[in-house]
Protein backbone atom coordinates (compact mmCIF):
# COMPACT_ATOMS: atom_id res chain seq x y z
CA MET A 1 119.89 228.87 -88.60
CA SER A 2 122.65 229.91 -91.12
CA ASP A 3 122.86 232.68 -94.07
CA LYS A 4 125.85 230.79 -95.30
CA ARG A 5 125.41 230.08 -99.01
CA PRO A 6 127.49 227.23 -101.01
CA ALA A 7 130.47 229.04 -102.67
CA LYS A 8 129.81 229.08 -106.52
CA LEU A 9 132.23 227.17 -108.68
CA PRO A 10 134.22 229.18 -111.00
CA SER A 11 132.36 229.09 -114.07
CA ALA A 12 135.09 226.95 -116.25
CA ILE A 13 134.71 224.03 -113.75
CA SER A 14 130.80 223.99 -113.83
CA ASP A 15 131.01 224.28 -117.51
CA ASP A 16 133.42 221.26 -117.54
CA ILE A 17 130.99 219.74 -114.79
CA ASN A 18 128.10 220.44 -116.77
CA SER A 19 129.51 219.26 -120.00
CA ALA A 20 130.76 215.59 -118.53
CA ALA A 21 127.08 215.27 -116.90
CA VAL A 22 125.48 215.68 -120.40
CA GLY A 23 127.89 213.33 -122.20
CA HIS A 24 127.17 210.80 -119.42
CA LEU A 25 123.68 211.18 -120.00
CA ASN A 26 123.61 210.74 -123.98
CA LEU A 27 125.86 207.69 -123.54
CA ILE A 28 122.81 206.32 -120.95
CA VAL A 29 119.92 207.19 -123.55
CA ALA A 30 121.76 206.16 -126.21
CA THR A 31 122.41 202.54 -124.98
CA SER A 32 119.21 202.31 -123.62
CA LEU A 33 118.17 203.21 -127.10
CA GLU A 34 119.98 200.70 -129.05
CA VAL A 35 119.02 197.58 -126.39
CA LYS A 36 115.56 198.17 -127.25
CA ARG A 37 116.63 198.71 -130.74
CA SER A 38 118.13 195.88 -131.32
CA TYR A 39 116.13 193.62 -129.00
CA PHE A 40 112.74 194.09 -130.85
CA GLU A 41 114.16 194.24 -134.57
CA ARG A 42 115.20 190.02 -133.39
CA HIS A 43 112.23 189.39 -130.85
CA ALA A 44 108.92 191.20 -132.15
CA GLU A 45 107.37 188.07 -133.61
CA GLU A 46 108.43 186.68 -130.04
CA VAL A 47 106.54 189.87 -128.21
CA SER A 48 103.22 189.19 -130.70
CA ARG A 49 103.32 185.78 -129.49
CA ALA A 50 103.05 186.51 -126.31
CA ALA A 51 100.72 188.86 -126.64
CA ALA A 52 98.67 186.37 -128.48
CA LEU A 53 98.93 183.81 -125.46
CA ILE A 54 97.72 186.34 -122.84
CA ALA A 55 95.17 187.73 -124.78
CA GLU A 56 93.63 183.93 -125.43
CA ALA A 57 93.91 183.50 -121.39
CA PHE A 58 91.83 186.11 -121.22
CA ARG A 59 89.21 185.27 -123.88
CA ALA A 60 88.74 182.01 -122.26
CA GLY A 61 88.01 183.22 -119.13
CA GLY A 62 91.80 182.80 -117.30
CA LYS A 63 94.04 185.11 -115.97
CA LEU A 64 97.32 186.19 -115.99
CA LEU A 65 99.16 186.09 -112.78
CA VAL A 66 102.88 188.49 -112.66
CA CYS A 67 105.54 188.42 -110.40
CA GLY A 68 109.09 189.23 -110.30
CA ASN A 69 111.57 191.05 -107.56
CA GLY A 70 112.61 194.97 -106.88
CA GLY A 71 112.35 196.29 -110.51
CA SER A 72 110.78 193.40 -111.51
CA ALA A 73 108.41 193.59 -108.82
CA ALA A 74 107.69 197.34 -109.72
CA ASP A 75 107.31 196.39 -113.62
CA ALA A 76 104.82 193.17 -111.89
CA GLN A 77 102.38 195.57 -110.57
CA HIS A 78 102.46 198.28 -113.49
CA ILE A 79 101.30 195.69 -115.82
CA ALA A 80 98.58 194.15 -113.78
CA GLY A 81 97.35 197.72 -113.22
CA GLU A 82 97.30 198.21 -116.97
CA PHE A 83 95.26 195.00 -117.60
CA VAL A 84 92.99 195.81 -114.44
CA ASN A 85 92.17 199.20 -115.00
CA GLN A 86 92.88 200.23 -119.11
CA PHE A 87 95.87 201.25 -121.03
CA LEU A 88 95.21 202.87 -124.26
CA MET A 89 91.80 201.65 -124.99
CA LYS A 90 88.95 204.13 -122.97
CA ASN A 91 85.60 202.11 -121.63
CA ARG A 92 86.70 198.84 -121.88
CA ARG A 93 85.65 195.62 -119.90
CA ALA A 94 88.61 194.49 -116.72
CA LEU A 95 90.85 191.79 -117.38
CA PRO A 96 91.88 189.82 -114.74
CA ALA A 97 95.82 190.43 -113.67
CA LEU A 98 97.31 189.86 -110.33
CA ALA A 99 100.24 190.92 -109.40
CA LEU A 100 101.82 188.45 -106.72
CA THR A 101 103.76 191.11 -105.27
CA THR A 102 101.46 193.50 -103.22
CA ASP A 103 100.26 191.33 -100.17
CA GLY A 104 102.71 192.36 -97.05
CA GLY A 105 100.64 189.61 -95.28
CA VAL A 106 100.54 186.88 -97.37
CA LEU A 107 104.57 187.84 -99.06
CA THR A 108 105.83 187.19 -95.25
CA CYS A 109 104.10 184.71 -93.95
CA VAL A 110 104.86 182.03 -96.47
CA ALA A 111 108.80 183.59 -96.32
CA ASN A 112 108.72 183.39 -92.51
CA ASP A 113 106.95 180.06 -92.95
CA THR A 114 108.94 178.63 -95.35
CA GLY A 115 111.24 180.93 -97.07
CA PHE A 116 111.04 183.37 -99.86
CA GLU A 117 111.82 181.25 -102.06
CA ARG A 118 108.36 179.90 -102.19
CA VAL A 119 106.53 183.72 -102.16
CA PHE A 120 104.97 183.40 -105.21
CA ALA A 121 104.72 180.05 -105.67
CA ARG A 122 102.25 179.36 -103.16
CA GLN A 123 100.48 181.63 -104.32
CA VAL A 124 100.67 180.42 -107.49
CA GLU A 125 98.91 177.29 -106.14
CA ALA A 126 96.04 179.03 -104.05
CA PHE A 127 95.22 181.34 -107.46
CA GLY A 128 96.32 179.80 -110.21
CA ALA A 129 95.01 177.37 -113.19
CA GLY A 130 95.00 175.15 -115.83
CA GLY A 131 94.26 177.95 -118.74
CA ASP A 132 95.92 181.27 -116.69
CA VAL A 133 99.39 182.68 -117.63
CA LEU A 134 102.22 183.83 -115.80
CA LEU A 135 104.20 186.05 -116.62
CA ALA A 136 107.64 185.31 -114.91
CA ILE A 137 109.66 188.74 -114.75
CA THR A 138 113.83 188.35 -113.76
CA THR A 139 116.94 189.94 -115.00
CA SER A 140 118.76 187.54 -114.37
CA GLY A 141 116.90 184.77 -115.41
CA ASN A 142 117.71 182.99 -111.75
CA SER A 143 115.83 184.42 -109.02
CA LYS A 144 115.28 181.82 -106.98
CA ASN A 145 111.64 182.79 -106.32
CA VAL A 146 110.53 183.21 -109.71
CA VAL A 147 111.90 179.83 -110.81
CA ALA A 148 109.54 177.92 -108.05
CA ALA A 149 106.50 180.12 -109.52
CA ALA A 150 107.65 178.79 -113.17
CA GLU A 151 108.32 175.38 -111.80
CA VAL A 152 104.33 175.48 -109.99
CA ALA A 153 102.92 177.15 -112.39
CA GLY A 154 103.84 174.53 -115.40
CA ALA A 155 102.95 171.94 -112.97
CA ARG A 156 99.76 173.33 -112.51
CA GLY A 157 98.91 173.65 -116.75
CA MET A 158 99.23 177.29 -116.85
CA LYS A 159 101.06 179.27 -119.70
CA VAL A 160 104.49 180.33 -118.49
CA VAL A 161 106.23 183.57 -120.50
CA GLY A 162 109.56 184.95 -119.09
CA MET A 163 110.70 188.56 -119.33
CA LEU A 164 114.01 187.84 -118.22
CA GLY A 165 117.70 188.93 -119.47
CA ARG A 166 121.55 187.54 -119.82
CA ASP A 167 120.99 183.82 -121.30
CA GLY A 168 117.53 183.66 -120.12
CA GLY A 169 119.33 181.75 -116.58
CA ARG A 170 117.08 178.68 -115.34
CA VAL A 171 113.69 180.56 -116.25
CA ARG A 172 114.29 179.62 -119.69
CA ALA A 173 113.77 176.48 -119.43
CA LEU A 174 110.66 176.88 -118.05
CA CYS A 175 109.12 179.22 -120.04
CA ASP A 176 106.46 177.98 -122.79
CA LEU A 177 107.66 181.97 -124.28
CA ALA A 178 110.74 183.59 -123.26
CA LEU A 179 111.79 186.71 -124.50
CA VAL A 180 115.14 187.56 -123.39
CA VAL A 181 117.02 191.09 -123.33
CA GLU A 182 120.83 189.84 -124.16
CA SER A 183 122.57 192.53 -122.45
CA ASP A 184 124.59 192.16 -119.30
CA ASP A 185 123.30 195.71 -118.15
CA THR A 186 119.94 195.34 -115.52
CA GLN A 187 119.25 198.60 -116.40
CA ARG A 188 119.01 198.63 -119.51
CA ILE A 189 117.38 195.07 -119.74
CA GLN A 190 114.80 196.77 -117.09
CA GLU A 191 113.93 199.53 -118.85
CA THR A 192 113.57 197.20 -122.33
CA HIS A 193 111.23 194.90 -119.86
CA ASN A 194 108.72 198.01 -119.08
CA LEU A 195 108.65 199.00 -123.00
CA VAL A 196 108.03 195.42 -123.54
CA GLY A 197 105.12 195.39 -120.76
CA HIS A 198 103.98 198.39 -122.86
CA VAL A 199 103.70 196.57 -126.11
CA LEU A 200 102.20 193.53 -124.37
CA CYS A 201 99.23 195.71 -123.36
CA ASP A 202 98.74 197.24 -126.35
CA LEU A 203 98.82 194.44 -128.73
CA VAL A 204 96.30 192.50 -126.16
CA GLU A 205 93.89 195.13 -125.86
CA ARG A 206 93.91 195.32 -129.92
CA LEU A 207 93.65 191.40 -130.36
CA LEU A 208 90.39 191.13 -127.53
CA PHE A 209 88.84 194.73 -128.66
CA HIS A 210 89.23 196.05 -131.38
CA GLU A 211 85.83 196.11 -133.62
CA GLY A 212 84.56 192.04 -133.80
CA ALA A 213 87.74 190.92 -131.65
CA GLU A 214 84.78 189.43 -129.40
């Protein structure tokens, strides 16, 4: 095992690298904050309406299905987990939310037999019913499997809420309510979606479980 240590950079070069990194970091944070600020400044009412729609589905005995790919799949699981367990309100009843991204057996058999475009739509057929809500997450608005899921949800009498980016893509027209982060930067869209997800969890709990709500 070598005992050689990495050569140290001259302090002036090291300081320049650190300064550049900090400057870049600050730019990332400032841009992220600005996208979030701009989004909620223009669309807070729509987010509130989405929370009310989801809360009403839960109140009526319906459920929330959530789907997305990649980082949006992680968002789907995160949101579903907060509803099933708890977000800020302790000791409340569990809320029926299901991420369609988690069952490897289902995902791979549908993908193998009928194609990856159907992996969410088939589960919406299996688990969705009139009065339920599909939360469809896609930063482009054009993910084919999310488009297919939204189409099936609408045909089954479900409400469709989109968490979308850019111009909303093909999914936008399939939504009862589209929450569109109007940015071309996928990372900034995802970061804003994460905040929207937390806000939805907070508002739904308040609507359902504040004193006298149920």
